[in-house]
N, C-alpha and C. Protein backbone atom coordinates (compact mmCIF):
# COMPACT_ATOMS: atom_id res chain seq x y z
N MET A 1 63.30 122.02 51.69
CA MET A 1 63.23 120.76 52.39
C MET A 1 61.81 120.53 52.86
N SER A 2 61.41 119.32 52.83
CA SER A 2 60.06 118.99 53.27
C SER A 2 60.08 118.57 54.73
N ASP A 3 58.89 118.35 55.26
CA ASP A 3 58.74 118.00 56.66
C ASP A 3 58.62 116.48 56.81
N THR A 4 59.36 115.73 56.04
CA THR A 4 59.25 114.28 56.08
C THR A 4 60.44 113.70 56.83
N GLY A 5 60.23 112.53 57.41
CA GLY A 5 61.26 111.91 58.24
C GLY A 5 62.38 111.31 57.46
N SER A 6 62.13 110.32 56.63
CA SER A 6 63.19 109.61 55.94
C SER A 6 63.32 110.03 54.49
N GLY A 7 62.52 110.99 54.06
CA GLY A 7 62.61 111.44 52.67
C GLY A 7 61.78 110.59 51.74
N LEU A 8 60.99 109.65 52.26
CA LEU A 8 60.18 108.77 51.43
C LEU A 8 58.71 109.15 51.50
N GLY A 9 58.42 110.38 51.89
CA GLY A 9 57.05 110.83 51.94
C GLY A 9 56.33 110.42 53.22
N GLN A 10 57.08 109.93 54.21
CA GLN A 10 56.47 109.53 55.47
C GLN A 10 56.58 110.69 56.46
N PRO A 11 55.64 110.75 57.39
CA PRO A 11 55.71 111.82 58.39
C PRO A 11 56.96 111.66 59.26
N PRO A 12 57.45 112.75 59.82
CA PRO A 12 58.66 112.64 60.67
C PRO A 12 58.36 111.80 61.92
N GLU A 13 59.38 111.04 62.33
CA GLU A 13 59.22 110.21 63.52
C GLU A 13 59.24 111.09 64.76
N GLU A 14 58.43 110.71 65.70
CA GLU A 14 58.36 111.47 66.94
C GLU A 14 59.60 111.17 67.77
N VAL A 15 60.21 112.20 68.28
CA VAL A 15 61.40 112.01 69.10
C VAL A 15 60.94 111.83 70.55
N ARG A 16 61.26 110.65 71.10
CA ARG A 16 60.89 110.35 72.48
C ARG A 16 62.09 110.53 73.38
N LYS A 17 61.83 111.02 74.57
CA LYS A 17 62.89 111.08 75.57
C LYS A 17 63.00 109.71 76.22
N PRO A 18 64.19 109.29 76.58
CA PRO A 18 64.34 107.99 77.23
C PRO A 18 63.67 107.99 78.60
N ASP A 19 63.27 106.78 79.03
CA ASP A 19 62.64 106.65 80.33
C ASP A 19 63.62 106.95 81.46
N VAL A 20 64.85 106.49 81.31
CA VAL A 20 65.85 106.63 82.36
C VAL A 20 67.18 106.99 81.73
N VAL A 21 67.93 107.83 82.40
CA VAL A 21 69.30 108.11 81.98
C VAL A 21 70.21 107.57 83.06
N VAL A 22 71.04 106.59 82.70
CA VAL A 22 71.96 105.98 83.64
C VAL A 22 73.28 106.73 83.55
N THR A 23 73.71 107.25 84.67
CA THR A 23 74.94 108.04 84.70
C THR A 23 76.10 107.13 85.00
N GLY A 24 77.06 107.10 84.11
CA GLY A 24 78.26 106.31 84.30
C GLY A 24 79.40 107.19 84.76
N LYS A 25 80.57 106.62 84.89
CA LYS A 25 81.72 107.38 85.35
C LYS A 25 82.15 108.41 84.32
N ASP A 26 82.16 108.01 83.04
CA ASP A 26 82.64 108.91 82.00
C ASP A 26 81.54 109.46 81.10
N HIS A 27 80.35 108.85 81.10
CA HIS A 27 79.31 109.29 80.18
C HIS A 27 77.94 108.86 80.68
N ASP A 28 76.91 109.42 80.09
CA ASP A 28 75.54 109.06 80.41
C ASP A 28 74.98 108.19 79.29
N VAL A 29 74.14 107.24 79.66
CA VAL A 29 73.53 106.34 78.69
C VAL A 29 72.02 106.44 78.84
N ALA A 30 71.34 106.70 77.72
CA ALA A 30 69.88 106.77 77.74
C ALA A 30 69.32 105.36 77.60
N VAL A 31 68.37 105.02 78.45
CA VAL A 31 67.80 103.69 78.46
C VAL A 31 66.29 103.82 78.36
N GLU A 32 65.66 102.97 77.55
CA GLU A 32 64.22 103.07 77.35
C GLU A 32 63.51 101.79 77.74
N GLY A 33 62.24 101.93 78.12
CA GLY A 33 61.31 100.82 78.29
C GLY A 33 61.71 99.80 79.32
N ASP A 34 61.59 98.51 78.94
CA ASP A 34 61.87 97.41 79.84
C ASP A 34 63.32 97.38 80.28
N VAL A 35 64.21 97.82 79.42
CA VAL A 35 65.62 97.85 79.77
C VAL A 35 65.83 98.80 80.95
N ALA A 36 65.12 99.90 80.98
CA ALA A 36 65.25 100.86 82.07
C ALA A 36 64.86 100.22 83.39
N LEU A 37 63.81 99.44 83.36
CA LEU A 37 63.36 98.77 84.58
C LEU A 37 64.42 97.78 85.07
N VAL A 38 65.01 97.04 84.15
CA VAL A 38 66.06 96.08 84.52
C VAL A 38 67.27 96.80 85.09
N VAL A 39 67.66 97.90 84.46
CA VAL A 39 68.81 98.66 84.94
C VAL A 39 68.55 99.20 86.34
N LYS A 40 67.35 99.71 86.58
CA LYS A 40 67.02 100.22 87.90
C LYS A 40 67.08 99.11 88.94
N ARG A 41 66.48 97.96 88.61
CA ARG A 41 66.48 96.86 89.55
C ARG A 41 67.89 96.35 89.80
N THR A 42 68.70 96.24 88.76
CA THR A 42 70.06 95.74 88.90
C THR A 42 70.90 96.68 89.75
N SER A 43 70.81 97.97 89.50
CA SER A 43 71.62 98.89 90.28
C SER A 43 71.18 98.90 91.74
N ARG A 44 69.88 98.80 91.98
CA ARG A 44 69.39 98.75 93.36
C ARG A 44 69.85 97.46 94.02
N PHE A 45 69.77 96.35 93.29
CA PHE A 45 70.19 95.06 93.82
C PHE A 45 71.68 95.08 94.12
N SER A 46 72.47 95.66 93.22
CA SER A 46 73.91 95.74 93.43
C SER A 46 74.24 96.54 94.67
N ARG A 47 73.55 97.65 94.87
CA ARG A 47 73.78 98.45 96.07
C ARG A 47 73.43 97.67 97.33
N GLU A 48 72.36 96.91 97.27
CA GLU A 48 71.96 96.10 98.43
C GLU A 48 72.99 95.02 98.71
N VAL A 49 73.52 94.40 97.65
CA VAL A 49 74.54 93.37 97.83
C VAL A 49 75.79 93.99 98.44
N VAL A 50 76.22 95.14 97.93
CA VAL A 50 77.40 95.81 98.47
C VAL A 50 77.18 96.17 99.94
N ALA A 51 76.01 96.72 100.26
CA ALA A 51 75.73 97.08 101.65
C ALA A 51 75.73 95.86 102.56
N THR A 52 75.18 94.75 102.09
CA THR A 52 75.16 93.53 102.89
C THR A 52 76.57 92.98 103.08
N MET A 53 77.37 92.97 102.02
CA MET A 53 78.74 92.49 102.12
C MET A 53 79.57 93.34 103.07
N ILE A 54 79.36 94.66 103.03
CA ILE A 54 80.07 95.54 103.95
C ILE A 54 79.66 95.25 105.38
N SER A 55 78.38 95.04 105.61
CA SER A 55 77.91 94.72 106.96
C SER A 55 78.51 93.41 107.46
N LEU A 56 78.56 92.41 106.59
CA LEU A 56 79.12 91.12 106.98
C LEU A 56 80.62 91.22 107.24
N ALA A 57 81.33 91.95 106.41
CA ALA A 57 82.78 92.11 106.60
C ALA A 57 83.06 92.87 107.90
N THR A 58 82.26 93.89 108.18
CA THR A 58 82.43 94.65 109.42
C THR A 58 82.21 93.75 110.62
N ALA A 59 81.17 92.94 110.58
CA ALA A 59 80.90 92.02 111.69
C ALA A 59 82.03 91.01 111.84
N ALA A 60 82.55 90.50 110.71
CA ALA A 60 83.63 89.51 110.76
C ALA A 60 84.89 90.10 111.38
N PHE A 61 85.26 91.33 110.97
CA PHE A 61 86.44 91.96 111.56
C PHE A 61 86.22 92.23 113.05
N GLY A 62 85.01 92.57 113.43
CA GLY A 62 84.70 92.78 114.84
C GLY A 62 84.86 91.51 115.65
N VAL A 63 84.41 90.39 115.10
CA VAL A 63 84.53 89.10 115.80
C VAL A 63 86.00 88.70 115.92
N VAL A 64 86.77 88.85 114.86
CA VAL A 64 88.19 88.48 114.90
C VAL A 64 88.93 89.32 115.94
N ALA A 65 88.66 90.63 115.96
CA ALA A 65 89.31 91.49 116.95
C ALA A 65 88.87 91.12 118.36
N ALA A 66 87.60 90.84 118.55
CA ALA A 66 87.11 90.46 119.89
C ALA A 66 87.76 89.16 120.36
N LEU A 67 87.89 88.19 119.47
CA LEU A 67 88.53 86.93 119.85
C LEU A 67 90.01 87.13 120.18
N ALA A 68 90.68 88.00 119.44
CA ALA A 68 92.09 88.27 119.71
C ALA A 68 92.25 88.92 121.09
N TRP A 69 91.40 89.88 121.40
CA TRP A 69 91.47 90.53 122.72
C TRP A 69 91.08 89.55 123.82
N ASN A 70 90.11 88.69 123.57
CA ASN A 70 89.71 87.69 124.55
C ASN A 70 90.87 86.77 124.88
N SER A 71 91.57 86.33 123.86
CA SER A 71 92.71 85.44 124.06
C SER A 71 93.81 86.14 124.85
N ALA A 72 94.10 87.39 124.53
CA ALA A 72 95.15 88.14 125.22
C ALA A 72 94.79 88.37 126.69
N ILE A 73 93.57 88.75 126.95
CA ILE A 73 93.16 89.04 128.33
C ILE A 73 93.09 87.75 129.15
N THR A 74 92.59 86.68 128.55
CA THR A 74 92.55 85.39 129.25
C THR A 74 93.96 84.93 129.61
N SER A 75 94.90 85.11 128.69
CA SER A 75 96.29 84.73 128.95
C SER A 75 96.90 85.59 130.05
N ALA A 76 96.51 86.86 130.11
CA ALA A 76 97.01 87.74 131.17
C ALA A 76 96.54 87.25 132.53
N PHE A 77 95.29 86.85 132.61
CA PHE A 77 94.79 86.30 133.88
C PHE A 77 95.49 85.00 134.23
N GLN A 78 95.77 84.17 133.24
CA GLN A 78 96.47 82.91 133.51
C GLN A 78 97.91 83.17 133.97
N ARG A 79 98.50 84.24 133.49
CA ARG A 79 99.87 84.56 133.90
C ARG A 79 99.90 85.04 135.34
N TYR A 80 99.01 85.94 135.70
CA TYR A 80 99.08 86.55 137.02
C TYR A 80 98.27 85.80 138.07
N TYR A 81 97.35 84.96 137.67
CA TYR A 81 96.57 84.12 138.58
C TYR A 81 96.54 82.70 138.03
N PRO A 82 97.68 82.00 138.07
CA PRO A 82 97.72 80.66 137.46
C PRO A 82 96.86 79.66 138.25
N GLN A 83 96.28 78.73 137.51
CA GLN A 83 95.51 77.67 138.14
C GLN A 83 96.47 76.60 138.64
N LYS A 84 96.02 75.84 139.61
CA LYS A 84 96.87 74.77 140.14
C LYS A 84 97.10 73.73 139.04
N GLY A 85 98.32 73.31 138.91
CA GLY A 85 98.65 72.30 137.93
C GLY A 85 98.98 72.87 136.56
N HIS A 86 98.82 74.19 136.36
CA HIS A 86 99.13 74.83 135.07
C HIS A 86 100.29 75.81 135.27
N ALA A 87 101.22 75.78 134.34
CA ALA A 87 102.35 76.72 134.41
C ALA A 87 101.89 78.09 133.96
N PRO A 88 102.44 79.15 134.55
CA PRO A 88 102.06 80.50 134.11
C PRO A 88 102.51 80.76 132.67
N ILE A 89 101.79 81.63 132.00
CA ILE A 89 102.10 81.99 130.62
C ILE A 89 103.38 82.84 130.63
N PRO A 90 104.35 82.53 129.75
CA PRO A 90 105.56 83.35 129.69
C PRO A 90 105.24 84.79 129.24
N GLY A 91 106.04 85.75 129.72
CA GLY A 91 105.82 87.17 129.42
C GLY A 91 105.90 87.48 127.93
N ALA A 92 106.80 86.82 127.21
CA ALA A 92 106.95 87.08 125.77
C ALA A 92 105.71 86.64 125.01
N GLN A 93 105.15 85.51 125.41
CA GLN A 93 103.94 85.03 124.74
C GLN A 93 102.77 85.97 125.03
N LEU A 94 102.70 86.47 126.26
CA LEU A 94 101.63 87.39 126.62
C LEU A 94 101.76 88.70 125.82
N SER A 95 102.98 89.21 125.69
CA SER A 95 103.20 90.42 124.90
C SER A 95 102.81 90.20 123.43
N ALA A 96 103.18 89.03 122.91
CA ALA A 96 102.86 88.73 121.52
C ALA A 96 101.35 88.69 121.31
N LEU A 97 100.59 88.16 122.26
CA LEU A 97 99.13 88.11 122.14
C LEU A 97 98.53 89.51 122.14
N PHE A 98 99.04 90.40 122.98
CA PHE A 98 98.52 91.77 123.01
C PHE A 98 98.89 92.54 121.74
N ILE A 99 100.11 92.31 121.23
CA ILE A 99 100.50 92.95 119.98
C ILE A 99 99.61 92.45 118.84
N TYR A 100 99.36 91.15 118.80
CA TYR A 100 98.48 90.57 117.78
C TYR A 100 97.08 91.19 117.86
N ALA A 101 96.54 91.29 119.07
CA ALA A 101 95.20 91.87 119.23
C ALA A 101 95.18 93.32 118.75
N PHE A 102 96.21 94.08 119.06
CA PHE A 102 96.28 95.47 118.65
C PHE A 102 96.37 95.59 117.12
N VAL A 103 97.22 94.78 116.51
CA VAL A 103 97.40 94.83 115.04
C VAL A 103 96.10 94.42 114.34
N VAL A 104 95.45 93.38 114.81
CA VAL A 104 94.19 92.94 114.21
C VAL A 104 93.14 94.05 114.33
N THR A 105 93.10 94.72 115.47
CA THR A 105 92.14 95.81 115.66
C THR A 105 92.41 96.96 114.71
N VAL A 106 93.67 97.34 114.55
CA VAL A 106 94.02 98.45 113.64
C VAL A 106 93.67 98.08 112.20
N ILE A 107 93.99 96.87 111.78
CA ILE A 107 93.66 96.44 110.42
C ILE A 107 92.14 96.45 110.23
N GLY A 108 91.42 95.95 111.22
CA GLY A 108 89.95 95.94 111.13
C GLY A 108 89.38 97.34 111.01
N VAL A 109 89.89 98.29 111.79
CA VAL A 109 89.39 99.67 111.74
C VAL A 109 89.67 100.28 110.37
N VAL A 110 90.87 100.08 109.84
CA VAL A 110 91.22 100.65 108.53
C VAL A 110 90.33 100.06 107.44
N VAL A 111 90.13 98.75 107.45
CA VAL A 111 89.30 98.11 106.43
C VAL A 111 87.85 98.58 106.55
N ILE A 112 87.35 98.71 107.77
CA ILE A 112 85.97 99.15 107.97
C ILE A 112 85.78 100.59 107.48
N VAL A 113 86.77 101.46 107.72
CA VAL A 113 86.68 102.84 107.23
C VAL A 113 86.67 102.85 105.70
N LEU A 114 87.54 102.05 105.09
CA LEU A 114 87.58 101.99 103.62
C LEU A 114 86.28 101.44 103.05
N LEU A 115 85.70 100.44 103.69
CA LEU A 115 84.43 99.89 103.24
C LEU A 115 83.31 100.91 103.40
N GLY A 116 83.37 101.71 104.45
CA GLY A 116 82.38 102.78 104.63
C GLY A 116 82.46 103.81 103.52
N ARG A 117 83.68 104.13 103.10
CA ARG A 117 83.83 105.07 101.97
C ARG A 117 83.30 104.46 100.68
N LEU A 118 83.53 103.17 100.49
CA LEU A 118 82.99 102.48 99.31
C LEU A 118 81.46 102.52 99.33
N ALA A 119 80.88 102.29 100.49
CA ALA A 119 79.42 102.33 100.61
C ALA A 119 78.89 103.72 100.28
N ALA A 120 79.59 104.75 100.73
CA ALA A 120 79.15 106.11 100.41
C ALA A 120 79.28 106.39 98.92
N ARG A 121 80.30 105.85 98.29
CA ARG A 121 80.53 106.09 96.86
C ARG A 121 79.43 105.47 96.00
N VAL A 122 78.93 104.30 96.39
CA VAL A 122 77.90 103.64 95.60
C VAL A 122 76.50 103.90 96.15
N ASN A 123 76.39 104.81 97.11
CA ASN A 123 75.10 105.18 97.73
C ASN A 123 74.39 103.97 98.32
N ALA A 124 75.13 103.10 98.96
CA ALA A 124 74.55 101.92 99.57
C ALA A 124 74.03 102.28 100.95
N ALA A 125 72.76 102.04 101.16
CA ALA A 125 72.15 102.32 102.46
C ALA A 125 72.62 101.25 103.45
N PRO A 126 72.88 101.63 104.69
CA PRO A 126 73.30 100.62 105.66
C PRO A 126 72.19 99.61 105.93
N VAL A 127 72.60 98.40 106.20
CA VAL A 127 71.65 97.34 106.47
C VAL A 127 71.36 97.33 107.96
N GLU A 128 70.08 97.39 108.31
CA GLU A 128 69.69 97.33 109.71
C GLU A 128 68.91 96.06 109.94
N PHE A 129 69.33 95.30 110.92
CA PHE A 129 68.63 94.09 111.28
C PHE A 129 67.76 94.40 112.49
N LYS A 130 66.45 94.38 112.29
CA LYS A 130 65.52 94.71 113.36
C LYS A 130 64.47 93.61 113.48
N TYR A 131 64.01 93.46 114.69
CA TYR A 131 62.85 92.61 114.90
C TYR A 131 61.63 93.41 114.54
N PRO A 132 60.62 92.77 114.02
CA PRO A 132 59.41 93.52 113.70
C PRO A 132 58.82 94.09 114.99
N GLY A 133 58.22 95.25 114.86
CA GLY A 133 57.63 95.91 116.02
C GLY A 133 56.47 95.11 116.60
N VAL A 134 56.28 95.28 117.88
CA VAL A 134 55.18 94.62 118.55
C VAL A 134 53.89 95.42 118.26
N PRO A 135 52.88 94.77 117.73
CA PRO A 135 51.65 95.50 117.44
C PRO A 135 51.00 95.96 118.74
N ARG A 136 50.57 97.20 118.72
CA ARG A 136 49.91 97.76 119.91
C ARG A 136 48.41 97.70 119.73
N SER A 137 47.74 97.35 120.81
CA SER A 137 46.28 97.23 120.74
C SER A 137 45.60 98.51 121.10
């Protein structure tokens, strides 16, 4: 056998290693050149989007739970310290508001824990909202 690449008298082609190897769930894919850059940017962008969505969902569940507790506690004050001209809140309605607040809080905690696990699975860095530092003289 000769040392030729395609058997047509040409020198053997140089074997290049790919620039990036993208690891998938079931297999690895070798990616070269400009495609590697796009894959890197896309995966980084996807992780940032996932991290941002998780942060927004966490904040939304926190607001919903806070509003539910606010409503329940406000109703409790109206029941035990009614204002003039307003009827006190019935006990069943007050109980229902506290049960609602508790259920919303439990659902929020479970969803936030599951979203945290998703973030860990895709290596999404948490999003931190900070004001820029004050320059020191």
